[in-house]
Protein backbone atom coordinates (compact mmCIF):
# COMPACT_ATOMS: atom_id res chain seq x y z
CA MET A 1 -0.16 16.15 -7.67
CA ASP A 2 -0.78 15.54 -11.33
CA ASP A 3 -3.87 13.88 -12.52
CA ALA A 4 -2.17 11.18 -13.72
CA SER A 5 -0.55 10.40 -10.22
CA MET A 6 -3.80 10.10 -8.26
CA VAL A 7 -5.38 7.72 -10.88
CA GLY A 8 -5.17 3.80 -10.10
CA LEU A 9 -4.28 4.75 -6.28
CA MET A 10 -7.09 2.96 -3.48
CA GLY A 11 -8.92 4.85 -1.26
CA ARG A 12 -11.67 4.37 1.25
CA VAL A 13 -15.11 5.71 1.32
CA THR A 14 -16.00 7.91 4.18
CA GLY A 15 -19.29 9.72 3.14
CA THR A 16 -21.82 7.61 0.97
CA VAL A 17 -20.79 7.84 -2.53
CA GLY A 18 -23.63 7.97 -5.35
CA PRO A 19 -26.06 9.40 -7.62
CA GLY A 20 -27.42 12.93 -6.48
CA LEU A 21 -24.10 12.62 -3.69
CA VAL A 22 -21.36 14.28 -3.22
CA GLY A 23 -19.76 11.61 -1.48
CA GLU A 24 -16.32 11.77 0.53
CA VAL A 25 -13.14 8.97 0.41
CA ILE A 26 -9.83 9.30 1.91
CA VAL A 27 -6.88 8.42 -0.08
CA ARG A 28 -2.85 7.72 1.10
CA VAL A 29 -1.17 10.45 -0.99
CA ARG A 30 1.76 13.07 -0.53
CA GLY A 31 3.26 11.06 2.34
CA GLY A 32 0.07 11.19 4.44
CA ALA A 33 -4.28 10.69 3.79
CA GLU A 34 -6.09 12.99 2.13
CA HIS A 35 -9.67 13.63 2.15
CA PHE A 36 -11.40 14.49 -1.50
CA LEU A 37 -14.92 15.05 -2.69
CA ALA A 38 -16.11 11.61 -4.44
CA HIS A 39 -18.27 10.69 -7.26
CA PRO A 40 -19.35 7.11 -8.97
CA ALA A 41 -17.11 6.46 -11.93
CA ASP A 42 -20.06 5.13 -14.09
CA GLY A 43 -22.30 7.93 -12.58
CA THR A 44 -25.15 5.30 -11.08
CA THR A 45 -22.97 2.77 -8.65
CA ARG A 46 -23.74 3.63 -4.87
CA ILE A 47 -20.81 3.31 -2.75
CA VAL A 48 -21.47 2.79 1.12
CA THR A 49 -19.48 3.86 3.96
CA GLY A 50 -16.09 1.69 4.32
CA THR A 51 -15.94 0.51 0.91
CA VAL A 52 -12.52 0.29 -0.46
CA VAL A 53 -12.09 2.11 -3.77
CA MET A 54 -9.65 2.95 -6.67
CA VAL A 55 -9.52 6.43 -8.55
CA VAL A 56 -10.30 6.34 -12.13
CA GLU A 57 -10.10 10.18 -12.69
CA HIS A 58 -9.20 13.00 -10.52
CA LEU A 59 -10.15 16.62 -11.07
CA PRO A 60 -8.19 19.04 -9.59
CA PRO A 61 -7.84 20.28 -6.76
CA ARG A 62 -9.87 17.72 -4.50
CA THR A 63 -12.49 16.06 -6.70
CA VAL A 64 -12.25 12.39 -7.81
CA TYR A 65 -14.47 9.81 -9.76
CA VAL A 66 -14.06 6.03 -7.90
CA THR A 67 -15.21 2.51 -8.32
CA PRO A 68 -15.15 0.29 -5.97
CA ALA A 69 -12.08 -1.94 -5.83
CA TYR A 70 -13.60 -5.31 -5.43
CA ASP A 71 -16.58 -7.24 -6.32
CA ARG A 72 -18.81 -8.13 -3.73
């Protein structure tokens, strides 16, 4: 899967994402669901487990930058 096809996909945080942390998200791709290492897109937001996120950048093979999909 190339970088462009990952951008815009929705996922759910399975390990807290935040500054100084390497979090984890699960994203539905390639007919299944896969885990990716995750960082906050803005570099400052803390995103807790269970939050729905959107992928804004993908660094192959398994790293994504995410932002919360919905305002709280």
